[in-house]
Amino acid sequence: MMYSMTDKDLLISPDEEAAFRVLYDRYWEMLYRKAYTRLGNSSDAEDIVQDLFVTLWRNRLAIKPEPDLGPYLFVALKYAIIKKVYREARKGVVLPLSVHELEIIGVTEDDLLHYRDLQLALSKVISTLPQRMQQIYRLNRIDQVQVSEIATRLNLSEQTVRNTLHTAVKRLREKLADFSTACFFL
């Protein structure tokens, strides 16, 4: 019966586990194939799609799919791929994804401009955070350092690092409300 439900109804279904399974079955393969085609790495593709579903489910009550989640998920996937490429490039790792390939996956010039605007706005908002919060946020979200490692480096408890990250993300989401897709990934 749940397989006949709309995506919108599944997001608010009281049987959360079954609803998640239906959405996962409905979209996972298509999203994985798209991610794998763009990244060329099965593990990275699986990670991105898995993270996408986790984030989707955490934010399911705020999402308004019209008429289904497909377009929403593919746009979110596109931005997740761009974010992955950006983060890896900052580490000096080059993924098999060029500007030409971004054009092939449907990233328009407007999307790239939007992404650059988002990065600029994000940098500005991050710079308004308290110094320690900036440091913790950048280590975790940009440099991909684990919470335990940050705690060790900065001589803090892991819970303090988690609390600081939570507060930082909350502030960033509030200040970047105009970039609704971005808040999905912060």
C-alpha atoms as a PDB file:
ATOM      1  CA  MET A   1       0.000   0.000   0.000  1.00  0.00           C
ATOM      2  CA  MET A   2       2.801   2.456   0.837  1.00  0.00           C
ATOM      3  CA  TYR A   3       4.292   2.062  -2.654  1.00  0.00           C
ATOM      4  CA  SER A   4       1.176   3.710  -4.082  1.00  0.00           C
ATOM      5  CA  MET A   5       1.499   6.754  -1.788  1.00  0.00           C
ATOM      6  CA  THR A   6       2.792  10.055  -3.127  1.00  0.00           C
ATOM      7  CA  ASP A   7       6.168  11.346  -2.017  1.00  0.00           C
ATOM      8  CA  LYS A   8       4.458  14.139  -0.116  1.00  0.00           C
ATOM      9  CA  ASP A   9       2.339  11.651   1.833  1.00  0.00           C
ATOM     10  CA  LEU A  10       5.358   9.463   2.543  1.00  0.00           C
ATOM     11  CA  LEU A  11       7.227  12.383   4.098  1.00  0.00           C
ATOM     12  CA  ILE A  12       4.505  12.806   6.721  1.00  0.00           C
ATOM     13  CA  SER A  13       3.598   9.132   7.142  1.00  0.00           C
ATOM     14  CA  PRO A  14       3.376   7.900  10.746  1.00  0.00           C
ATOM     15  CA  ASP A  15       5.103   4.655   9.683  1.00  0.00           C
ATOM     16  CA  GLU A  16       8.468   6.359   9.279  1.00  0.00           C
ATOM     17  CA  GLU A  17      10.584   3.273   8.641  1.00  0.00           C
ATOM     18  CA  ALA A  18       8.328   1.945   5.877  1.00  0.00           C
ATOM     19  CA  ALA A  19       7.954   5.397   4.328  1.00  0.00           C
ATOM     20  CA  PHE A  20      11.717   5.901   4.271  1.00  0.00           C
ATOM     21  CA  ARG A  21      12.189   2.470   2.668  1.00  0.00           C
ATOM     22  CA  VAL A  22       9.689   3.303  -0.100  1.00  0.00           C
ATOM     23  CA  LEU A  23      11.370   6.640  -0.886  1.00  0.00           C
ATOM     24  CA  TYR A  24      14.782   4.997  -0.750  1.00  0.00           C
ATOM     25  CA  ASP A  25      13.680   2.225  -3.126  1.00  0.00           C
ATOM     26  CA  ARG A  26      12.014   4.744  -5.401  1.00  0.00           C
ATOM     27  CA  TYR A  27      15.008   7.053  -5.873  1.00  0.00           C
ATOM     28  CA  TRP A  28      18.241   5.403  -4.696  1.00  0.00           C
ATOM     29  CA  GLU A  29      19.247   3.694  -7.929  1.00  0.00           C
ATOM     30  CA  MET A  30      18.613   6.737 -10.135  1.00  0.00           C
ATOM     31  CA  LEU A  31      20.520   9.020  -7.762  1.00  0.00           C
ATOM     32  CA  TYR A  32      23.374   6.553  -7.377  1.00  0.00           C
ATOM     33  CA  ARG A  33      23.765   6.135 -11.146  1.00  0.00           C
ATOM     34  CA  LYS A  34      23.821   9.900 -11.634  1.00  0.00           C
ATOM     35  CA  ALA A  35      26.357  10.384  -8.823  1.00  0.00           C
ATOM     36  CA  TYR A  36      28.543   7.512 -10.046  1.00  0.00           C
ATOM     37  CA  THR A  37      28.487   8.857 -13.606  1.00  0.00           C
ATOM     38  CA  ARG A  38      29.642  12.255 -12.380  1.00  0.00           C
ATOM     39  CA  LEU A  39      32.179  11.176  -9.745  1.00  0.00           C
ATOM     40  CA  GLY A  40      33.514   7.981 -11.309  1.00  0.00           C
ATOM     41  CA  ASN A  41      33.861   6.395  -7.874  1.00  0.00           C
ATOM     42  CA  SER A  42      31.364   3.936  -6.431  1.00  0.00           C
ATOM     43  CA  SER A  43      32.235   4.681  -2.819  1.00  0.00           C
ATOM     44  CA  ASP A  44      31.905   8.454  -3.228  1.00  0.00           C
ATOM     45  CA  ALA A  45      28.628   8.031  -5.114  1.00  0.00           C
ATOM     46  CA  GLU A  46      27.205   5.784  -2.391  1.00  0.00           C
ATOM     47  CA  ASP A  47      28.327   8.203   0.336  1.00  0.00           C
ATOM     48  CA  ILE A  48      26.774  11.220  -1.352  1.00  0.00           C
ATOM     49  CA  VAL A  49      23.465   9.463  -2.004  1.00  0.00           C
ATOM     50  CA  GLN A  50      23.378   8.041   1.527  1.00  0.00           C
ATOM     51  CA  ASP A  51      24.046  11.488   3.013  1.00  0.00           C
ATOM     52  CA  LEU A  52      21.374  12.933   0.751  1.00  0.00           C
ATOM     53  CA  PHE A  53      18.771  10.484   2.095  1.00  0.00           C
ATOM     54  CA  VAL A  54      19.806  11.061   5.702  1.00  0.00           C
ATOM     55  CA  THR A  55      19.509  14.819   5.251  1.00  0.00           C
ATOM     56  CA  LEU A  56      16.227  14.417   3.394  1.00  0.00           C
ATOM     57  CA  TRP A  57      14.763  12.371   6.213  1.00  0.00           C
ATOM     58  CA  ARG A  58      15.967  14.742   8.922  1.00  0.00           C
ATOM     59  CA  ASN A  59      14.367  17.676   7.089  1.00  0.00           C
ATOM     60  CA  ARG A  60      11.340  15.853   5.687  1.00  0.00           C
ATOM     61  CA  LEU A  61       8.732  17.963   7.455  1.00  0.00           C
ATOM     62  CA  ALA A  62      10.158  21.188   6.014  1.00  0.00           C
ATOM     63  CA  ILE A  63      10.276  19.919   2.426  1.00  0.00           C
ATOM     64  CA  LYS A  64       7.384  20.740   0.116  1.00  0.00           C
ATOM     65  CA  PRO A  65       7.660  18.456  -2.946  1.00  0.00           C
ATOM     66  CA  GLU A  66       5.564  19.426  -5.940  1.00  0.00           C
ATOM     67  CA  PRO A  67       4.372  16.963  -7.217  1.00  0.00           C
ATOM     68  CA  ASP A  68       7.167  14.544  -6.257  1.00  0.00           C
ATOM     69  CA  LEU A  69      10.650  14.536  -4.772  1.00  0.00           C
ATOM     70  CA  GLY A  70      12.522  13.623  -7.956  1.00  0.00           C
ATOM     71  CA  PRO A  71      13.448  17.139  -9.122  1.00  0.00           C
ATOM     72  CA  TYR A  72      14.228  18.236  -5.573  1.00  0.00           C
ATOM     73  CA  LEU A  73      16.530  15.253  -4.984  1.00  0.00           C
ATOM     74  CA  PHE A  74      18.384  15.686  -8.270  1.00  0.00           C
ATOM     75  CA  VAL A  75      19.017  19.379  -7.580  1.00  0.00           C
ATOM     76  CA  ALA A  76      20.206  18.478  -4.081  1.00  0.00           C
ATOM     77  CA  LEU A  77      22.452  15.798  -5.610  1.00  0.00           C
ATOM     78  CA  LYS A  78      23.868  18.299  -8.075  1.00  0.00           C
ATOM     79  CA  TYR A  79      24.829  20.665  -5.266  1.00  0.00           C
ATOM     80  CA  ALA A  80      26.221  17.780  -3.186  1.00  0.00           C
ATOM     81  CA  ILE A  81      28.459  16.812  -6.123  1.00  0.00           C
ATOM     82  CA  ILE A  82      29.604  20.419  -6.560  1.00  0.00           C
ATOM     83  CA  LYS A  83      30.301  20.643  -2.830  1.00  0.00           C
ATOM     84  CA  LYS A  84      32.284  17.373  -2.939  1.00  0.00           C
ATOM     85  CA  VAL A  85      34.343  18.579  -5.893  1.00  0.00           C
ATOM     86  CA  TYR A  86      34.971  21.919  -4.176  1.00  0.00           C
ATOM     87  CA  ARG A  87      36.062  20.296  -0.902  1.00  0.00           C
ATOM     88  CA  GLU A  88      38.322  17.805  -2.645  1.00  0.00           C
ATOM     89  CA  ALA A  89      39.864  20.561  -4.753  1.00  0.00           C
ATOM     90  CA  ARG A  90      40.666  22.524  -1.585  1.00  0.00           C
ATOM     91  CA  LYS A  91      42.537  19.441  -0.347  1.00  0.00           C
ATOM     92  CA  GLY A  92      44.431  19.231  -3.611  1.00  0.00           C
ATOM     93  CA  VAL A  93      42.498  16.179  -4.813  1.00  0.00           C
ATOM     94  CA  VAL A  94      41.192  16.455  -8.345  1.00  0.00           C
ATOM     95  CA  LEU A  95      37.990  14.565  -9.043  1.00  0.00           C
ATOM     96  CA  PRO A  96      37.064  13.565 -12.588  1.00  0.00           C
ATOM     97  CA  LEU A  97      34.655  16.464 -12.949  1.00  0.00           C
ATOM     98  CA  SER A  98      35.391  19.481 -15.084  1.00  0.00           C
ATOM     99  CA  VAL A  99      33.338  22.572 -15.828  1.00  0.00           C
ATOM    100  CA  HIS A 100      32.399  20.876 -19.110  1.00  0.00           C
ATOM    101  CA  GLU A 101      31.134  17.829 -17.202  1.00  0.00           C
ATOM    102  CA  LEU A 102      29.174  20.100 -14.861  1.00  0.00           C
ATOM    103  CA  GLU A 103      27.464  21.532 -17.939  1.00  0.00           C
ATOM    104  CA  ILE A 104      26.578  18.004 -19.047  1.00  0.00           C
ATOM    105  CA  ILE A 105      24.863  17.189 -15.745  1.00  0.00           C
ATOM    106  CA  GLY A 106      22.678  20.218 -16.125  1.00  0.00           C
ATOM    107  CA  VAL A 107      24.536  22.771 -14.066  1.00  0.00           C
ATOM    108  CA  THR A 108      23.772  26.000 -15.813  1.00  0.00           C
ATOM    109  CA  GLU A 109      25.768  29.197 -15.691  1.00  0.00           C
ATOM    110  CA  ASP A 110      23.111  30.543 -13.332  1.00  0.00           C
ATOM    111  CA  ASP A 111      23.664  27.533 -11.061  1.00  0.00           C
ATOM    112  CA  LEU A 112      27.407  28.167 -11.030  1.00  0.00           C
ATOM    113  CA  LEU A 113      26.836  31.848 -10.292  1.00  0.00           C
ATOM    114  CA  HIS A 114      24.394  30.900  -7.544  1.00  0.00           C
ATOM    115  CA  TYR A 115      26.971  28.503  -6.122  1.00  0.00           C
ATOM    116  CA  ARG A 116      29.696  31.167  -6.227  1.00  0.00           C
ATOM    117  CA  ASP A 117      27.326  33.645  -4.579  1.00  0.00           C
ATOM    118  CA  LEU A 118      26.561  31.047  -1.936  1.00  0.00           C
ATOM    119  CA  GLN A 119      30.266  30.441  -1.293  1.00  0.00           C
ATOM    120  CA  LEU A 120      30.871  34.181  -0.975  1.00  0.00           C
ATOM    121  CA  ALA A 121      27.895  34.653   1.349  1.00  0.00           C
ATOM    122  CA  LEU A 122      28.950  31.631   3.398  1.00  0.00           C
ATOM    123  CA  SER A 123      32.491  32.979   3.764  1.00  0.00           C
ATOM    124  CA  LYS A 124      31.162  36.356   4.884  1.00  0.00           C
ATOM    125  CA  VAL A 125      28.804  34.816   7.430  1.00  0.00           C
ATOM    126  CA  ILE A 126      31.478  32.455   8.740  1.00  0.00           C
ATOM    127  CA  SER A 127      33.757  35.457   9.279  1.00  0.00           C
ATOM    128  CA  THR A 128      31.113  36.981  11.590  1.00  0.00           C
ATOM    129  CA  LEU A 129      31.196  33.969  13.921  1.00  0.00           C
ATOM    130  CA  PRO A 130      33.332  34.098  17.063  1.00  0.00           C
ATOM    131  CA  GLN A 131      36.957  33.140  16.344  1.00  0.00           C
ATOM    132  CA  ARG A 132      36.857  29.734  18.101  1.00  0.00           C
ATOM    133  CA  MET A 133      33.557  28.849  16.416  1.00  0.00           C
ATOM    134  CA  GLN A 134      35.019  29.771  13.018  1.00  0.00           C
ATOM    135  CA  GLN A 135      38.033  27.607  13.688  1.00  0.00           C
ATOM    136  CA  ILE A 136      35.976  24.587  14.736  1.00  0.00           C
ATOM    137  CA  TYR A 137      33.525  24.992  11.843  1.00  0.00           C
ATOM    138  CA  ARG A 138      36.294  25.295   9.245  1.00  0.00           C
ATOM    139  CA  LEU A 139      38.216  22.327  10.625  1.00  0.00           C
ATOM    140  CA  ASN A 140      35.137  20.103  10.526  1.00  0.00           C
ATOM    141  CA  ARG A 141      33.190  21.279   7.495  1.00  0.00           C
ATOM    142  CA  ILE A 142      35.917  22.492   5.175  1.00  0.00           C
ATOM    143  CA  ASP A 143      38.990  20.489   6.189  1.00  0.00           C
ATOM    144  CA  GLN A 144      36.916  17.388   7.062  1.00  0.00           C
ATOM    145  CA  VAL A 145      38.595  16.866  10.444  1.00  0.00           C
ATOM    146  CA  GLN A 146      36.692  14.546  12.787  1.00  0.00           C
ATOM    147  CA  VAL A 147      35.203  15.902  16.029  1.00  0.00           C
ATOM    148  CA  SER A 148      37.545  13.779  18.163  1.00  0.00           C
ATOM    149  CA  GLU A 149      40.603  15.126  16.323  1.00  0.00           C
ATOM    150  CA  ILE A 150      39.397  18.726  16.681  1.00  0.00           C
ATOM    151  CA  ALA A 151      38.842  18.176  20.403  1.00  0.00           C
ATOM    152  CA  THR A 152      42.370  16.816  20.761  1.00  0.00           C
ATOM    153  CA  ARG A 153      43.965  19.609  18.708  1.00  0.00           C
ATOM    154  CA  LEU A 154      42.152  22.381  20.566  1.00  0.00           C
ATOM    155  CA  ASN A 155      42.216  20.745  23.988  1.00  0.00           C
ATOM    156  CA  LEU A 156      38.411  20.709  24.246  1.00  0.00           C
ATOM    157  CA  SER A 157      35.883  18.011  25.055  1.00  0.00           C
ATOM    158  CA  GLU A 158      34.201  16.323  22.106  1.00  0.00           C
ATOM    159  CA  GLN A 159      30.834  17.506  23.404  1.00  0.00           C
ATOM    160  CA  THR A 160      32.044  21.119  23.388  1.00  0.00           C
ATOM    161  CA  VAL A 161      33.117  20.713  19.765  1.00  0.00           C
ATOM    162  CA  ARG A 162      29.736  19.172  18.843  1.00  0.00           C
ATOM    163  CA  ASN A 163      27.844  21.943  20.642  1.00  0.00           C
ATOM    164  CA  THR A 164      29.933  24.610  18.923  1.00  0.00           C
ATOM    165  CA  LEU A 165      29.320  23.019  15.513  1.00  0.00           C
ATOM    166  CA  HIS A 166      25.595  22.812  16.207  1.00  0.00           C
ATOM    167  CA  THR A 167      25.474  26.482  17.177  1.00  0.00           C
ATOM    168  CA  ALA A 168      27.564  27.510  14.169  1.00  0.00           C
ATOM    169  CA  VAL A 169      25.350  25.620  11.729  1.00  0.00           C
ATOM    170  CA  LYS A 170      22.231  27.056  13.331  1.00  0.00           C
ATOM    171  CA  ARG A 171      23.571  30.606  12.960  1.00  0.00           C
ATOM    172  CA  LEU A 172      24.653  29.984   9.372  1.00  0.00           C
ATOM    173  CA  ARG A 173      21.244  28.585   8.451  1.00  0.00           C
ATOM    174  CA  GLU A 174      19.520  31.596   9.970  1.00  0.00           C
ATOM    175  CA  LYS A 175      21.757  34.086   8.175  1.00  0.00           C
ATOM    176  CA  LEU A 176      21.691  32.212   4.858  1.00  0.00           C
ATOM    177  CA  ALA A 177      17.950  31.616   4.737  1.00  0.00           C
ATOM    178  CA  ASP A 178      17.815  33.093   1.218  1.00  0.00           C
ATOM    179  CA  PHE A 179      19.980  30.226  -0.009  1.00  0.00           C
ATOM    180  CA  SER A 180      17.432  27.503   0.806  1.00  0.00           C
ATOM    181  CA  THR A 181      19.256  24.712  -1.063  1.00  0.00           C
ATOM    182  CA  ALA A 182      22.471  25.560   0.702  1.00  0.00           C
ATOM    183  CA  CYS A 183      20.943  25.134   4.129  1.00  0.00           C
ATOM    184  CA  PHE A 184      20.198  21.555   3.189  1.00  0.00           C
ATOM    185  CA  PHE A 185      23.948  20.862   3.129  1.00  0.00           C
ATOM    186  CA  LEU A 186      25.443  22.997   5.919  1.00  0.00           C
END
